[in-house]
C-alpha atoms as a PDB file:
ATOM      1  CA  MET A   1      12.558  15.417 -16.307  1.00  0.00           C
ATOM      2  CA  ILE A   2       9.099  14.010 -15.668  1.00  0.00           C
ATOM      3  CA  ARG A   3       6.561  16.448 -14.274  1.00  0.00           C
ATOM      4  CA  ALA A   4       4.881  15.070 -11.165  1.00  0.00           C
ATOM      5  CA  PRO A   5       1.114  15.336 -10.770  1.00  0.00           C
ATOM      6  CA  ARG A   6      -0.364  17.122  -7.772  1.00  0.00           C
ATOM      7  CA  LEU A   7      -1.988  14.375  -5.682  1.00  0.00           C
ATOM      8  CA  PRO A   8      -4.042  14.915  -2.515  1.00  0.00           C
ATOM      9  CA  ASP A   9      -1.941  14.619   0.629  1.00  0.00           C
ATOM     10  CA  VAL A  10      -3.489  11.390   1.871  1.00  0.00           C
ATOM     11  CA  PRO A  11      -1.618   9.346   4.481  1.00  0.00           C
ATOM     12  CA  VAL A  12       0.471   6.644   2.783  1.00  0.00           C
ATOM     13  CA  LEU A  13       2.152   3.621   4.350  1.00  0.00           C
ATOM     14  CA  ILE A  14       5.033   2.029   2.447  1.00  0.00           C
ATOM     15  CA  ALA A  15       5.475  -1.561   3.627  1.00  0.00           C
ATOM     16  CA  ASP A  16       8.583  -2.873   1.898  1.00  0.00           C
ATOM     17  CA  PRO A  17      11.573  -4.822   3.246  1.00  0.00           C
ATOM     18  CA  ASP A  18      14.057  -3.007   1.002  1.00  0.00           C
ATOM     19  CA  GLU A  19      15.323   0.344   2.286  1.00  0.00           C
ATOM     20  CA  TYR A  20      16.329   1.481  -1.201  1.00  0.00           C
ATOM     21  CA  SER A  21      12.865   0.713  -2.608  1.00  0.00           C
ATOM     22  CA  ARG A  22      11.179   2.573   0.248  1.00  0.00           C
ATOM     23  CA  ARG A  23      13.392   5.602  -0.326  1.00  0.00           C
ATOM     24  CA  ILE A  24      12.608   5.699  -4.051  1.00  0.00           C
ATOM     25  CA  VAL A  25       8.870   5.350  -3.447  1.00  0.00           C
ATOM     26  CA  ARG A  26       8.967   8.005  -0.723  1.00  0.00           C
ATOM     27  CA  GLU A  27      10.720  10.510  -2.999  1.00  0.00           C
ATOM     28  CA  VAL A  28       8.375   9.786  -5.912  1.00  0.00           C
ATOM     29  CA  LEU A  29       5.356  10.375  -3.651  1.00  0.00           C
ATOM     30  CA  ARG A  30       6.869  13.564  -2.229  1.00  0.00           C
ATOM     31  CA  ALA A  31       7.364  14.852  -5.769  1.00  0.00           C
ATOM     32  CA  ALA A  32       3.571  14.493  -6.146  1.00  0.00           C
ATOM     33  CA  ARG A  33       3.113  16.538  -2.932  1.00  0.00           C
ATOM     34  CA  ILE A  34       2.200  13.658  -0.658  1.00  0.00           C
ATOM     35  CA  ARG A  35       3.823  14.450   2.679  1.00  0.00           C
ATOM     36  CA  ARG A  36       2.186  12.124   5.217  1.00  0.00           C
ATOM     37  CA  ILE A  37       4.321   9.048   4.570  1.00  0.00           C
ATOM     38  CA  HIS A  38       5.265   6.318   7.012  1.00  0.00           C
ATOM     39  CA  GLU A  39       7.258   3.166   6.429  1.00  0.00           C
ATOM     40  CA  ALA A  40       7.395  -0.410   7.693  1.00  0.00           C
ATOM     41  CA  ASP A  41      10.238  -2.774   6.822  1.00  0.00           C
ATOM     42  CA  HIS A  42       8.921  -5.922   8.493  1.00  0.00           C
ATOM     43  CA  SER A  43       5.594  -7.336   9.574  1.00  0.00           C
ATOM     44  CA  ARG A  44       6.596  -6.546  13.165  1.00  0.00           C
ATOM     45  CA  GLY A  45       6.368  -2.841  12.359  1.00  0.00           C
ATOM     46  CA  LEU A  46       3.188  -3.086  10.328  1.00  0.00           C
ATOM     47  CA  PRO A  47       0.572  -3.441  13.097  1.00  0.00           C
ATOM     48  CA  GLN A  48       1.853  -0.433  15.013  1.00  0.00           C
ATOM     49  CA  LYS A  49       2.009   1.689  11.865  1.00  0.00           C
ATOM     50  CA  LEU A  50      -1.528   0.703  10.843  1.00  0.00           C
ATOM     51  CA  ASN A  51      -2.933   1.536  14.260  1.00  0.00           C
ATOM     52  CA  ASP A  52      -0.987   4.731  14.888  1.00  0.00           C
ATOM     53  CA  PHE A  53      -0.794   6.195  11.405  1.00  0.00           C
ATOM     54  CA  GLN A  54      -4.038   4.821   9.905  1.00  0.00           C
ATOM     55  CA  PRO A  55      -3.137   5.222   6.234  1.00  0.00           C
ATOM     56  CA  GLY A  56      -5.563   5.897   3.427  1.00  0.00           C
ATOM     57  CA  VAL A  57      -3.240   4.209   0.927  1.00  0.00           C
ATOM     58  CA  MET A  58      -0.780   1.390   1.511  1.00  0.00           C
ATOM     59  CA  LEU A  59       1.947   0.253  -0.863  1.00  0.00           C
ATOM     60  CA  LEU A  60       2.489  -3.350   0.220  1.00  0.00           C
ATOM     61  CA  ASP A  61       5.383  -5.469  -0.998  1.00  0.00           C
ATOM     62  CA  LEU A  62       4.332  -9.115  -0.911  1.00  0.00           C
ATOM     63  CA  ASP A  63       7.865 -10.079   0.123  1.00  0.00           C
ATOM     64  CA  LEU A  64       7.517  -8.322   3.477  1.00  0.00           C
ATOM     65  CA  PRO A  65       9.152 -10.659   6.020  1.00  0.00           C
ATOM     66  CA  GLY A  66       6.797 -12.410   8.393  1.00  0.00           C
ATOM     67  CA  LEU A  67       3.736 -12.378   6.155  1.00  0.00           C
ATOM     68  CA  SER A  68       2.543 -15.203   3.972  1.00  0.00           C
ATOM     69  CA  GLN A  69       0.936 -14.238   0.684  1.00  0.00           C
ATOM     70  CA  PRO A  70      -2.366 -16.073   1.305  1.00  0.00           C
ATOM     71  CA  LYS A  71      -2.697 -14.392   4.717  1.00  0.00           C
ATOM     72  CA  VAL A  72      -1.984 -10.977   3.226  1.00  0.00           C
ATOM     73  CA  ILE A  73      -4.469 -11.440   0.393  1.00  0.00           C
ATOM     74  CA  GLU A  74      -7.161 -12.650   2.817  1.00  0.00           C
ATOM     75  CA  ALA A  75      -6.612  -9.739   5.195  1.00  0.00           C
ATOM     76  CA  LEU A  76      -6.749  -7.176   2.406  1.00  0.00           C
ATOM     77  CA  GLN A  77     -10.203  -8.356   1.373  1.00  0.00           C
ATOM     78  CA  THR A  78     -11.756  -6.710   4.439  1.00  0.00           C
ATOM     79  CA  CYS A  79      -9.694  -3.551   4.842  1.00  0.00           C
ATOM     80  CA  LEU A  80     -10.693   0.019   4.063  1.00  0.00           C
ATOM     81  CA  VAL A  81      -7.157   0.993   3.064  1.00  0.00           C
ATOM     82  CA  GLY A  82      -6.557   1.530  -0.625  1.00  0.00           C
ATOM     83  CA  VAL A  83      -3.812  -0.930  -1.494  1.00  0.00           C
ATOM     84  CA  VAL A  84      -1.271  -1.086  -4.268  1.00  0.00           C
ATOM     85  CA  VAL A  85       0.530  -4.418  -4.154  1.00  0.00           C
ATOM     86  CA  THR A  86       4.175  -4.325  -5.223  1.00  0.00           C
ATOM     87  CA  THR A  87       6.241  -7.367  -6.111  1.00  0.00           C
ATOM     88  CA  ARG A  88       9.301  -8.444  -8.016  1.00  0.00           C
ATOM     89  CA  ARG A  89       7.576 -11.675  -9.087  1.00  0.00           C
ATOM     90  CA  ALA A  90       4.495 -11.286 -11.243  1.00  0.00           C
ATOM     91  CA  THR A  91       3.297 -14.872 -11.354  1.00  0.00           C
ATOM     92  CA  PRO A  92      -0.236 -15.422 -12.700  1.00  0.00           C
ATOM     93  CA  GLY A  93      -1.486 -16.391  -9.218  1.00  0.00           C
ATOM     94  CA  ILE A  94      -0.104 -13.273  -7.578  1.00  0.00           C
ATOM     95  CA  VAL A  95      -1.456 -11.046 -10.347  1.00  0.00           C
ATOM     96  CA  GLU A  96      -4.952 -12.527 -10.087  1.00  0.00           C
ATOM     97  CA  SER A  97      -5.055 -12.426  -6.291  1.00  0.00           C
ATOM     98  CA  SER A  98      -3.824  -8.842  -6.256  1.00  0.00           C
ATOM     99  CA  ARG A  99      -6.456  -7.742  -8.739  1.00  0.00           C
ATOM    100  CA  LYS A 100      -9.202  -9.202  -6.590  1.00  0.00           C
ATOM    101  CA  VAL A 101      -8.273  -7.381  -3.396  1.00  0.00           C
ATOM    102  CA  ALA A 102      -6.271  -4.281  -4.191  1.00  0.00           C
ATOM    103  CA  ALA A 103      -8.137  -1.144  -5.214  1.00  0.00           C
ATOM    104  CA  GLY A 104      -5.166   0.031  -7.256  1.00  0.00           C
ATOM    105  CA  GLY A 105      -4.093  -3.383  -8.432  1.00  0.00           C
ATOM    106  CA  MET A 106      -0.446  -4.229  -8.477  1.00  0.00           C
ATOM    107  CA  ILE A 107       2.765  -2.817  -9.809  1.00  0.00           C
ATOM    108  CA  VAL A 108       5.813  -4.880 -10.714  1.00  0.00           C
ATOM    109  CA  LYS A 109       9.274  -3.739  -9.691  1.00  0.00           C
ATOM    110  CA  PRO A 110      11.104  -1.963 -11.129  1.00  0.00           C
ATOM    111  CA  PHE A 111       8.488   0.648 -12.019  1.00  0.00           C
ATOM    112  CA  THR A 112       8.558   4.201 -13.277  1.00  0.00           C
ATOM    113  CA  PRO A 113       7.498   7.216 -11.232  1.00  0.00           C
ATOM    114  CA  ARG A 114       4.606   7.729 -13.653  1.00  0.00           C
ATOM    115  CA  ALA A 115       3.354   4.171 -13.125  1.00  0.00           C
ATOM    116  CA  LEU A 116       3.425   4.655  -9.347  1.00  0.00           C
ATOM    117  CA  TRP A 117       1.637   8.007  -9.536  1.00  0.00           C
ATOM    118  CA  LEU A 118      -1.071   6.519 -11.756  1.00  0.00           C
ATOM    119  CA  ARG A 119      -1.649   3.598  -9.378  1.00  0.00           C
ATOM    120  CA  VAL A 120      -1.844   5.837  -6.308  1.00  0.00           C
ATOM    121  CA  GLN A 121      -4.082   8.280  -8.163  1.00  0.00           C
ATOM    122  CA  THR A 122      -6.401   5.403  -9.120  1.00  0.00           C
ATOM    123  CA  VAL A 123      -6.611   4.257  -5.499  1.00  0.00           C
ATOM    124  CA  ILE A 124      -7.397   7.757  -4.269  1.00  0.00           C
ATOM    125  CA  ARG A 125     -10.031   8.272  -6.977  1.00  0.00           C
ATOM    126  CA  ASP A 126     -11.701   4.901  -6.384  1.00  0.00           C
ATOM    127  CA  MET A 127     -11.697   5.245  -2.604  1.00  0.00           C
ATOM    128  CA  THR A 128     -13.089   8.783  -2.797  1.00  0.00           C
ATOM    129  CA  ALA A 129     -15.818   7.652  -5.221  1.00  0.00           C
ATOM    130  CA  ALA A 130     -16.712   4.896  -2.745  1.00  0.00           C
ATOM    131  CA  GLY A 131     -17.208   7.520  -0.025  1.00  0.00           C
ATOM    132  CA  VAL A 132     -13.927   7.126   1.855  1.00  0.00           C
ATOM    133  CA  ASP A 133     -12.742  10.433   3.290  1.00  0.00           C
ATOM    134  CA  PHE A 134      -9.290   9.210   4.359  1.00  0.00           C
ATOM    135  CA  SER A 135      -9.968   9.897   8.000  1.00  0.00           C
ATOM    136  CA  PRO A 136      -8.741   7.275  10.498  1.00  0.00           C
ATOM    137  CA  ILE A 137      -9.923   3.843   9.468  1.00  0.00           C
ATOM    138  CA  PRO A 138     -12.251   2.103  11.930  1.00  0.00           C
ATOM    139  CA  ASN A 139     -11.162  -1.441  11.203  1.00  0.00           C
ATOM    140  CA  ALA A 140      -7.389  -1.035  11.434  1.00  0.00           C
ATOM    141  CA  GLN A 141      -7.140  -3.417  14.387  1.00  0.00           C
ATOM    142  CA  ARG A 142      -9.222  -6.079  12.602  1.00  0.00           C
ATOM    143  CA  MET A 143      -6.915  -5.842   9.597  1.00  0.00           C
ATOM    144  CA  VAL A 144      -3.842  -6.136  11.820  1.00  0.00           C
ATOM    145  CA  ASP A 145      -5.297  -9.171  13.581  1.00  0.00           C
ATOM    146  CA  ARG A 146      -6.040 -10.878  10.271  1.00  0.00           C
ATOM    147  CA  LEU A 147      -2.605 -10.033   8.838  1.00  0.00           C
ATOM    148  CA  LEU A 148      -0.702 -11.393  11.805  1.00  0.00           C
ATOM    149  CA  GLY A 149      -3.089 -14.107  12.912  1.00  0.00           C
ATOM    150  CA  ASP A 150      -1.126 -16.542  14.976  1.00  0.00           C
ATOM    151  CA  LEU A 151       2.385 -15.134  14.408  1.00  0.00           C
END
């Protein structure tokens, strides 16, 4: 059995259309002692979760229904949420775009618990070093507006 690291209990939002994937990610994060976890399975649920929950870290699947990849990438460029992009398709364009905007980069499905822990740990470390204290984010509404645009 893999021994889970002890990560700070920062608020995490899992935005993934697949219930099974969300459950696996949730359990892997709980093993690392992260308890404040919320989930969104569609872009319709994302704005409310961002505003109400105000995560410090977001695991965002680029296949989330209702969001186009260019719109997501553009919106992430201005957010204060540490983002780990998840995808089943690691095309060169997606990899490059994700590297530019996501503090923790990207992770390709399927992934190991260790890979997920390392990505989340990197996001937390980088955000903390940049002075983020994981309190409610002030620009959540701006991020939501940019994500959804004219939907």
